[in-house]
Structures are given as structure tokens and as C-alpha cells.
Amino acid sequence: MHSLRVSVSAFLNLQGAGRIVDVRSPAEYSHAHIPDAVNVPLFSDSVRAEIGTLYTQVGREAAIARGFEDLNDRLDSLRTEVLSHAVHGAVRLHCWRGGMRSESVAWLVAQSGVTPYVLDGGYKSYRNEVLARFAQPYSLLILAGMTGAGKTEVLAELQKLGEQVVDLEGLAHHKGSAFGWLGESAQPSTEQFENELALLLQACSPQKRLWLEDESKNIGKVLIPNAWYEQMSAAPRVVLETDPQARLERLLRLYASYPPEALVTCVEKIRKRLGGDNANECIRNIREGELARAVESVLAYYDKRYRYSLTSAKTRLLTINPISTDPREVAEQILSQLK
């Protein structure tokens, strides 16, 4: 029995063959991987580095010999772990370029009577497909509005109402501002963010409108892919002109539960932009429990920046003056005005 090399699209759609087994090293997998793939590394990070050095400095035969030496006592456990992810007598495998690592594991699997499907070109070919996805045109609509307008909540309600929505901030584990990391888990690498985004876009129809929140090029430390950001920048915008008091109250509900020193850390990140005196006053307000005053001063800074970006944008489609603070009702109002 031999391995079967398949294209990226065929590989991803072979769901009847069980989970995708990524045989790259733990560090490669940790940096970024195909969503839902499981890591069964052929070599540890240290052994992989050692083999790479041998290949470069001594030669191919020495590198292969070191690999066999490492695998000598692990073959059975490696085989057992890979086979635990097989379904209906088949398993999907990949390494970086679809070379020796995946073929070695495929041979081991085949000896057990299981059909190994190997990703042709490996993870590298998958990444090429991911990046190509962002250049494909979609019918984007951008939900814009000042900080605290409740855009994320409205997008969630639009999705419940049957609209196509992609939550970029949810994928990035960050709310976008200097305060955006609060309450979030660690951010993925930009590469992993791209992989997850491509998966969501694959499930979206390019012909139907697709909602996104207005974002800058970076969401925390994650960068939006260039081709996708260009589409976003050119897309029509629906702008929420939310009452300032409603925005203030929403931000107070969102951030009042965090420790004062965490909020101070956020203010320090934008100290230069706020100005030293304003930053000091804001920090003093936080420590004295005058959170409303602190939020007002930060809002003044963000409003100025966001107002400039909206003024320079040439893609405004519709301005919404919400008649309610309830996200569901705002979503319904948007859809009614778009008809």
C-alpha cells in the first residue's frame, strides 16, 4: 500500500479520513497550523534542529542516519498515535513541503493497512491557498462607528438574523484598542489568524454581503492580510452615530470590572498620544475610582482619531442613528434601512 498525494482542496475535504495529522515539530505547529489539525511530531524541536545542522554541514546521509537513530525506540508509539486519528481505514498527513517527514510517517501507517493521504506540497502549499483566498473579491460591508458604539454586539445580532459576518476581533483575541487585550486569551500569530480567517471565508458566499467591523491594519499584534485590508478599505461603510452618553455607559460596563492597575497599563500605552498631562489626569481618575472621567478623556482621544478616518473614507453608504441601545434592535434598524 502506498501513500496517496492529494491537492490542498481535496486534502481539506477528505473529512471521512479523520483529523489532519501535522507531523512537523512542536514549534512549527505552535507558530501556525491548519485549523483543527493535531500535532504528532516526527521529531522534537531539538532533534529537528540537530538533523538540519547535520544536513547542512555533513550531508544528507548523516542527517537521515540521525533521524533513524531518534526513531528507533519510538516507531511503535508514533504509529499508534497517528493511527488513533484514522477513520474508515485512512488518515491525512502533512509536513512542511510534503517531503521526507510526511512520507516516512505515511510508510509507517501503510504498513499497518491504513491508507495515508499526503498533502501535496505540504503546509507550504496550504499557505499559498490561504493567501490567495484574501485576493478573491467578496461583497463586503463595513460596520463603522466611534469607540463604544457597540459594533461587535450589533454584528453578532446581524449574524443571528441570517447575515454573513466575520468577527475579526474574535479571531485576533483582541478588541482593537489599547484596552483590547483585557479579558482576552493570548493572541495567535498573524499566520494562524490568517489560517482561521481563510477557513471562515471559505464558508461564506462571495456573492452575498459579508459584514466586518471597521478595523485598523493591526488588531493588537495581529496584522490583517494586505489583500484583505485593501478590500476592507474600499468597501461601503454603515456608520453608527451612537449617542455619546450611551457609548460612555457601554464602556463603563465593559471595563469597570478590571483592576485599576490593568487600566493604568493600557493608558500608559497611549501616553504620548494622549499627552503627558492628560495621561496623568486619566491615571489619577482611575486610581481614585472616577472611572467615568477617565473614560471620557480616553474617548476624546479615540473620537478624534476615528472622526478623521471616517472623514477621509470615501466609501460611506449609510449613516444610522440608533433609536435603541439594544443591539438586536439596532441590527434590525440597519437591515430595514438597507432595503
Protein backbone atom coordinates (compact mmCIF):
# COMPACT_ATOMS: atom_id res chain seq x y z
CA MET A 1 0.00 0.00 0.00
CA HIS A 2 1.33 3.42 -0.97
CA SER A 3 0.55 6.96 0.12
CA LEU A 4 -1.83 9.00 -1.99
CA ARG A 5 -0.77 12.58 -2.72
CA VAL A 6 -3.70 14.96 -2.98
CA SER A 7 -4.19 18.67 -3.65
CA VAL A 8 -4.97 21.20 -0.93
CA SER A 9 -8.70 21.34 -1.68
CA ALA A 10 -9.02 17.54 -1.85
CA PHE A 11 -6.97 17.13 1.33
CA LEU A 12 -9.13 19.56 3.31
CA ASN A 13 -12.36 18.00 2.04
CA LEU A 14 -11.38 14.41 2.91
CA GLN A 15 -13.18 14.66 6.23
CA GLY A 16 -14.08 10.97 6.09
CA ALA A 17 -10.36 10.23 6.52
CA GLY A 18 -10.28 11.58 10.07
CA ARG A 19 -8.38 14.51 11.53
CA ILE A 20 -5.41 16.11 9.83
CA VAL A 21 -2.14 14.92 11.37
CA ASP A 22 0.61 17.55 11.27
CA VAL A 23 3.96 15.74 11.65
CA ARG A 24 6.06 18.92 11.84
CA SER A 25 7.91 19.81 15.03
CA PRO A 26 6.02 21.23 18.03
CA ALA A 27 7.46 24.72 17.45
CA GLU A 28 6.35 24.77 13.81
CA TYR A 29 2.86 23.64 14.80
CA SER A 30 2.65 26.09 17.70
CA HIS A 31 3.51 29.03 15.46
CA ALA A 32 0.72 28.21 12.98
CA HIS A 33 -1.13 25.20 11.64
CA ILE A 34 -4.15 24.12 9.64
CA PRO A 35 -7.21 24.73 11.85
CA ASP A 36 -8.27 21.59 13.76
CA ALA A 37 -5.10 19.70 12.79
CA VAL A 38 -3.46 17.62 15.54
CA ASN A 39 0.29 17.60 16.07
CA VAL A 40 2.06 14.23 16.08
CA PRO A 41 5.65 15.35 15.54
CA LEU A 42 8.08 13.04 13.81
CA PHE A 43 10.93 14.81 15.61
CA SER A 44 11.20 17.08 18.63
CA ASP A 45 12.36 20.67 18.12
CA SER A 46 15.87 19.90 19.30
CA VAL A 47 16.28 16.78 17.16
CA ARG A 48 14.89 18.57 14.12
CA ALA A 49 17.44 21.37 14.62
CA GLU A 50 20.24 18.81 15.01
CA ILE A 51 19.21 16.98 11.83
CA GLY A 52 19.07 20.28 9.93
CA THR A 53 22.59 21.16 11.05
CA LEU A 54 23.89 17.73 10.02
CA TYR A 55 22.23 18.03 6.62
CA THR A 56 23.89 21.39 6.01
CA GLN A 57 27.33 20.68 7.46
CA VAL A 58 27.83 16.96 6.84
CA GLY A 59 25.32 15.77 4.30
CA ARG A 60 22.04 14.03 3.62
CA GLU A 61 23.13 10.54 4.69
CA ALA A 62 24.31 11.73 8.10
CA ALA A 63 21.03 13.59 8.65
CA ILE A 64 18.96 10.53 7.70
CA ALA A 65 21.03 8.32 9.99
CA ARG A 66 20.40 10.68 12.92
CA GLY A 67 16.71 10.62 12.17
CA PHE A 68 16.58 6.80 12.22
CA GLU A 69 18.55 6.79 15.45
CA ASP A 70 15.99 9.04 17.11
CA LEU A 71 13.06 7.00 15.80
CA ASN A 72 14.49 3.63 16.73
CA ASP A 73 12.71 3.42 20.08
CA ARG A 74 9.64 5.45 19.13
CA LEU A 75 8.33 3.82 15.99
CA ASP A 76 5.58 1.83 17.66
CA SER A 77 4.33 4.71 19.83
CA LEU A 78 4.45 7.06 16.82
CA ARG A 79 2.49 4.58 14.70
CA THR A 80 -0.09 4.06 17.44
CA GLU A 81 -0.63 7.79 17.96
CA VAL A 82 -1.03 8.53 14.25
CA LEU A 83 -3.43 5.60 13.77
CA SER A 84 -5.56 6.86 16.66
CA HIS A 85 -6.61 9.67 14.32
CA ALA A 86 -7.50 7.42 11.38
CA VAL A 87 -11.13 6.98 10.31
CA HIS A 88 -12.53 4.39 7.89
CA GLY A 89 -9.07 2.98 7.29
CA ALA A 90 -7.49 6.27 6.20
CA VAL A 91 -5.56 9.18 7.68
CA ARG A 92 -4.42 12.61 6.42
CA LEU A 93 -0.78 13.63 6.87
CA HIS A 94 1.38 16.63 6.09
CA CYS A 95 4.75 18.18 6.89
CA TRP A 96 6.29 21.43 5.65
CA ARG A 97 6.84 20.67 1.94
CA GLY A 98 5.31 17.21 1.63
CA GLY A 99 8.77 15.63 1.72
CA MET A 100 10.59 13.07 3.82
CA ARG A 101 8.83 13.63 7.12
CA SER A 102 5.30 13.04 5.86
CA GLU A 103 6.42 10.26 3.51
CA SER A 104 8.22 8.48 6.36
CA VAL A 105 5.11 8.56 8.54
CA ALA A 106 2.97 7.58 5.54
CA TRP A 107 5.13 4.49 5.00
CA LEU A 108 4.77 3.55 8.67
CA VAL A 109 0.98 3.96 8.51
CA ALA A 110 0.71 1.99 5.27
CA GLN A 111 2.44 -1.00 6.87
CA SER A 112 -0.49 -1.13 9.27
CA GLY A 113 -3.03 -1.41 6.46
CA VAL A 114 -4.24 2.20 6.70
CA THR A 115 -4.33 4.44 3.62
CA PRO A 116 -2.26 7.61 4.13
CA TYR A 117 -3.34 10.71 2.21
CA VAL A 118 -0.39 13.12 2.00
CA LEU A 119 -0.84 16.82 1.26
CA ASP A 120 0.99 17.50 -1.99
CA GLY A 121 3.43 20.35 -1.36
CA GLY A 122 2.80 20.17 2.39
CA TYR A 123 1.87 23.05 4.65
CA LYS A 124 3.64 25.44 2.27
CA SER A 125 1.11 24.69 -0.48
CA TYR A 126 -1.72 25.16 2.02
CA ARG A 127 -0.36 28.60 2.92
CA ASN A 128 -0.33 29.59 -0.75
CA GLU A 129 -4.03 28.72 -0.93
CA VAL A 130 -4.74 30.72 2.24
CA LEU A 131 -3.08 33.87 0.90
CA ALA A 132 -4.85 33.51 -2.44
CA ARG A 133 -8.20 33.46 -0.63
CA PHE A 134 -7.77 37.08 0.53
CA ALA A 135 -7.46 38.33 -3.04
CA GLN A 136 -10.79 36.76 -4.02
CA PRO A 137 -13.44 39.51 -4.19
CA TYR A 138 -16.24 39.46 -1.62
CA SER A 139 -19.28 41.71 -1.23
CA LEU A 140 -18.07 43.42 1.93
CA LEU A 141 -19.98 45.82 4.16
CA ILE A 142 -18.09 47.53 6.96
CA LEU A 143 -19.84 48.43 10.21
CA ALA A 144 -18.22 51.63 11.46
CA GLY A 145 -18.74 53.95 14.41
CA MET A 146 -16.98 55.62 17.30
CA THR A 147 -15.44 53.64 20.16
CA GLY A 148 -18.18 52.28 22.39
CA ALA A 149 -20.84 52.24 19.68
CA GLY A 150 -21.40 48.53 20.29
CA LYS A 151 -20.34 47.39 16.82
CA THR A 152 -19.28 43.90 17.91
CA GLU A 153 -22.61 43.26 19.64
CA VAL A 154 -24.56 44.53 16.61
CA LEU A 155 -22.56 42.28 14.29
CA ALA A 156 -23.43 39.29 16.47
CA GLU A 157 -27.13 40.16 16.14
CA LEU A 158 -26.81 40.62 12.38
CA GLN A 159 -25.41 37.11 12.20
CA LYS A 160 -28.36 35.77 14.20
CA LEU A 161 -30.63 37.48 11.67
CA GLY A 162 -29.07 35.47 8.84
CA GLU A 163 -26.35 37.85 7.67
CA GLN A 164 -22.84 36.68 6.82
CA VAL A 165 -20.47 38.04 9.49
CA VAL A 166 -16.79 37.52 10.26
CA ASP A 167 -15.63 38.69 13.70
CA LEU A 168 -12.01 39.73 13.09
CA GLU A 169 -11.53 40.83 16.71
CA GLY A 170 -12.79 37.48 17.95
CA LEU A 171 -10.28 35.70 15.70
CA ALA A 172 -7.50 38.02 16.90
CA HIS A 173 -8.45 37.69 20.59
CA HIS A 174 -8.29 41.47 20.87
CA LYS A 175 -10.84 44.31 20.83
CA GLY A 176 -8.65 46.61 18.77
CA SER A 177 -7.79 49.49 21.12
CA ALA A 178 -5.03 49.89 23.71
CA PHE A 179 -7.54 48.32 26.12
CA GLY A 180 -8.36 45.49 23.71
CA TRP A 181 -6.30 42.77 25.40
CA LEU A 182 -8.26 42.95 28.65
CA GLY A 183 -10.24 39.77 29.26
CA GLU A 184 -8.79 38.05 26.23
CA SER A 185 -6.61 34.96 25.86
CA ALA A 186 -3.19 35.18 24.21
CA GLN A 187 -3.27 36.39 20.62
CA PRO A 188 -2.49 33.94 17.82
CA SER A 189 0.37 34.57 15.43
CA THR A 190 -0.56 36.60 12.36
CA GLU A 191 -0.09 33.42 10.32
CA GLN A 192 -2.54 31.46 12.46
CA PHE A 193 -5.00 34.35 12.31
CA GLU A 194 -4.79 34.19 8.51
CA ASN A 195 -5.41 30.42 8.54
CA GLU A 196 -8.50 30.81 10.73
CA LEU A 197 -9.79 33.72 8.66
CA ALA A 198 -9.38 31.80 5.39
CA LEU A 199 -11.37 28.91 6.85
CA LEU A 200 -14.28 31.22 7.74
CA LEU A 201 -14.19 32.91 4.33
CA GLN A 202 -14.32 29.54 2.61
CA ALA A 203 -17.73 29.01 4.20
CA CYS A 204 -19.00 32.43 3.03
CA SER A 205 -20.63 33.13 -0.32
CA PRO A 206 -18.70 35.83 -2.26
CA GLN A 207 -21.98 36.93 -3.85
CA LYS A 208 -23.82 37.64 -0.58
CA ARG A 209 -22.95 40.65 1.56
CA LEU A 210 -20.39 39.93 4.25
CA TRP A 211 -20.18 42.14 7.34
CA LEU A 212 -16.96 43.12 9.07
CA GLU A 213 -16.16 45.62 11.78
CA ASP A 214 -14.13 48.66 10.80
CA GLU A 215 -10.52 47.98 11.85
CA SER A 216 -7.08 49.47 11.51
CA LYS A 217 -4.38 47.39 9.79
CA ASN A 218 -3.43 45.75 13.07
CA ILE A 219 -5.64 44.27 15.77
CA GLY A 220 -3.32 44.24 18.73
CA LYS A 221 -0.22 42.43 17.48
CA VAL A 222 -2.06 40.65 14.67
CA LEU A 223 -1.90 42.10 11.17
CA ILE A 224 -4.78 41.91 8.71
CA PRO A 225 -3.54 40.46 5.37
CA ASN A 226 -2.73 43.20 2.84
CA ALA A 227 -5.08 41.98 0.11
CA TRP A 228 -7.96 41.62 2.58
CA TYR A 229 -7.33 45.01 4.16
CA GLU A 230 -7.41 46.61 0.69
CA GLN A 231 -10.84 45.07 0.13
CA MET A 232 -12.00 46.34 3.50
CA SER A 233 -10.71 49.85 2.82
CA ALA A 234 -12.61 50.04 -0.46
CA ALA A 235 -15.85 48.55 0.90
CA PRO A 236 -19.00 50.60 1.69
CA ARG A 237 -19.48 51.62 5.31
CA VAL A 238 -22.56 51.66 7.51
CA VAL A 239 -21.77 54.19 10.24
CA LEU A 240 -23.39 54.06 13.69
CA GLU A 241 -23.85 57.59 15.07
CA THR A 242 -24.41 56.40 18.64
CA ASP A 243 -25.23 58.87 21.42
CA PRO A 244 -22.04 59.77 23.40
CA GLN A 245 -23.71 59.03 26.73
CA ALA A 246 -24.72 55.56 25.54
CA ARG A 247 -21.14 54.92 24.42
CA LEU A 248 -19.79 56.06 27.78
CA GLU A 249 -22.18 53.80 29.67
CA ARG A 250 -21.33 50.82 27.47
CA LEU A 251 -17.58 51.29 28.03
CA LEU A 252 -18.09 51.63 31.77
CA ARG A 253 -19.97 48.31 31.81
CA LEU A 254 -17.21 46.72 29.75
CA TYR A 255 -14.18 47.90 31.73
CA ALA A 256 -15.36 48.68 35.29
CA SER A 257 -14.64 45.15 36.48
CA TYR A 258 -10.93 45.22 35.60
CA PRO A 259 -8.28 46.04 38.23
CA PRO A 260 -7.24 49.72 38.22
CA GLU A 261 -3.59 48.87 37.52
CA ALA A 262 -4.58 46.94 34.39
CA LEU A 263 -6.40 50.03 33.13
CA VAL A 264 -3.39 52.18 34.02
CA THR A 265 -1.20 49.87 31.93
CA CYS A 266 -3.50 50.49 28.96
CA VAL A 267 -3.34 54.26 29.42
CA GLU A 268 0.46 54.12 29.53
CA LYS A 269 0.43 52.51 26.07
CA ILE A 270 -1.10 55.68 24.60
CA ARG A 271 0.56 58.20 26.90
CA LYS A 272 2.38 60.00 24.10
CA ARG A 273 -0.78 60.33 22.02
CA LEU A 274 -2.89 61.45 24.97
CA GLY A 275 -0.26 63.92 26.09
CA GLY A 276 1.52 63.72 29.42
CA ASP A 277 -0.88 65.92 31.39
CA ASN A 278 -3.99 64.19 30.04
CA ALA A 279 -2.48 60.76 30.69
CA ASN A 280 -1.57 61.70 34.27
CA GLU A 281 -5.07 63.03 34.94
CA CYS A 282 -6.62 59.92 33.43
CA ILE A 283 -4.47 57.66 35.62
CA ARG A 284 -5.31 59.71 38.69
CA ASN A 285 -9.02 59.36 37.93
CA ILE A 286 -8.67 55.61 37.57
CA ARG A 287 -6.87 55.23 40.89
CA GLU A 288 -9.38 57.47 42.66
CA GLY A 289 -12.32 55.46 41.31
CA GLU A 290 -13.51 58.23 38.94
CA LEU A 291 -13.73 55.83 36.03
CA ALA A 292 -16.32 57.85 34.10
CA ARG A 293 -13.93 60.81 33.92
CA ALA A 294 -11.11 58.54 32.82
CA VAL A 295 -13.25 57.03 30.06
CA GLU A 296 -14.33 60.48 28.87
CA SER A 297 -10.73 61.61 28.43
CA VAL A 298 -9.77 58.44 26.57
CA LEU A 299 -12.89 58.71 24.39
CA ALA A 300 -11.91 62.24 23.38
CA TYR A 301 -8.63 60.86 22.06
CA TYR A 302 -10.20 57.93 20.19
CA ASP A 303 -13.05 60.04 18.81
CA LYS A 304 -10.60 62.49 17.29
CA ARG A 305 -8.68 59.70 15.58
CA TYR A 306 -11.78 57.87 14.39
CA ARG A 307 -13.51 61.01 13.15
CA TYR A 308 -10.50 61.73 10.94
CA SER A 309 -10.54 58.21 9.49
CA LEU A 310 -14.27 58.44 8.73
CA THR A 311 -13.85 61.86 7.13
CA SER A 312 -11.08 60.62 4.86
CA ALA A 313 -13.00 57.49 3.85
CA LYS A 314 -14.81 57.75 0.52
CA THR A 315 -16.99 54.71 0.94
CA ARG A 316 -19.77 55.75 3.32
CA LEU A 317 -23.02 54.05 2.32
CA LEU A 318 -25.40 54.79 5.15
CA THR A 319 -25.48 56.60 8.50
CA ILE A 320 -27.57 55.04 11.25
CA ASN A 321 -28.81 57.00 14.26
CA PRO A 322 -29.79 54.13 16.58
CA ILE A 323 -33.23 54.52 18.09
CA SER A 324 -32.34 51.98 20.77
CA THR A 325 -29.36 50.83 22.83
CA ASP A 326 -30.38 47.21 22.31
CA PRO A 327 -28.01 45.57 19.76
CA ARG A 328 -30.80 43.42 18.29
CA GLU A 329 -32.97 46.44 17.61
CA VAL A 330 -30.03 48.32 16.10
CA ALA A 331 -29.32 45.37 13.81
CA GLU A 332 -32.96 45.27 12.71
CA GLN A 333 -32.91 49.03 12.11
CA ILE A 334 -29.82 48.69 9.89
CA LEU A 335 -31.39 45.96 7.79
CA SER A 336 -34.65 47.88 7.41
CA GLN A 337 -32.79 50.97 6.21
CA LEU A 338 -30.72 48.97 3.75
CA LYS A 339 -33.79 47.67 1.95
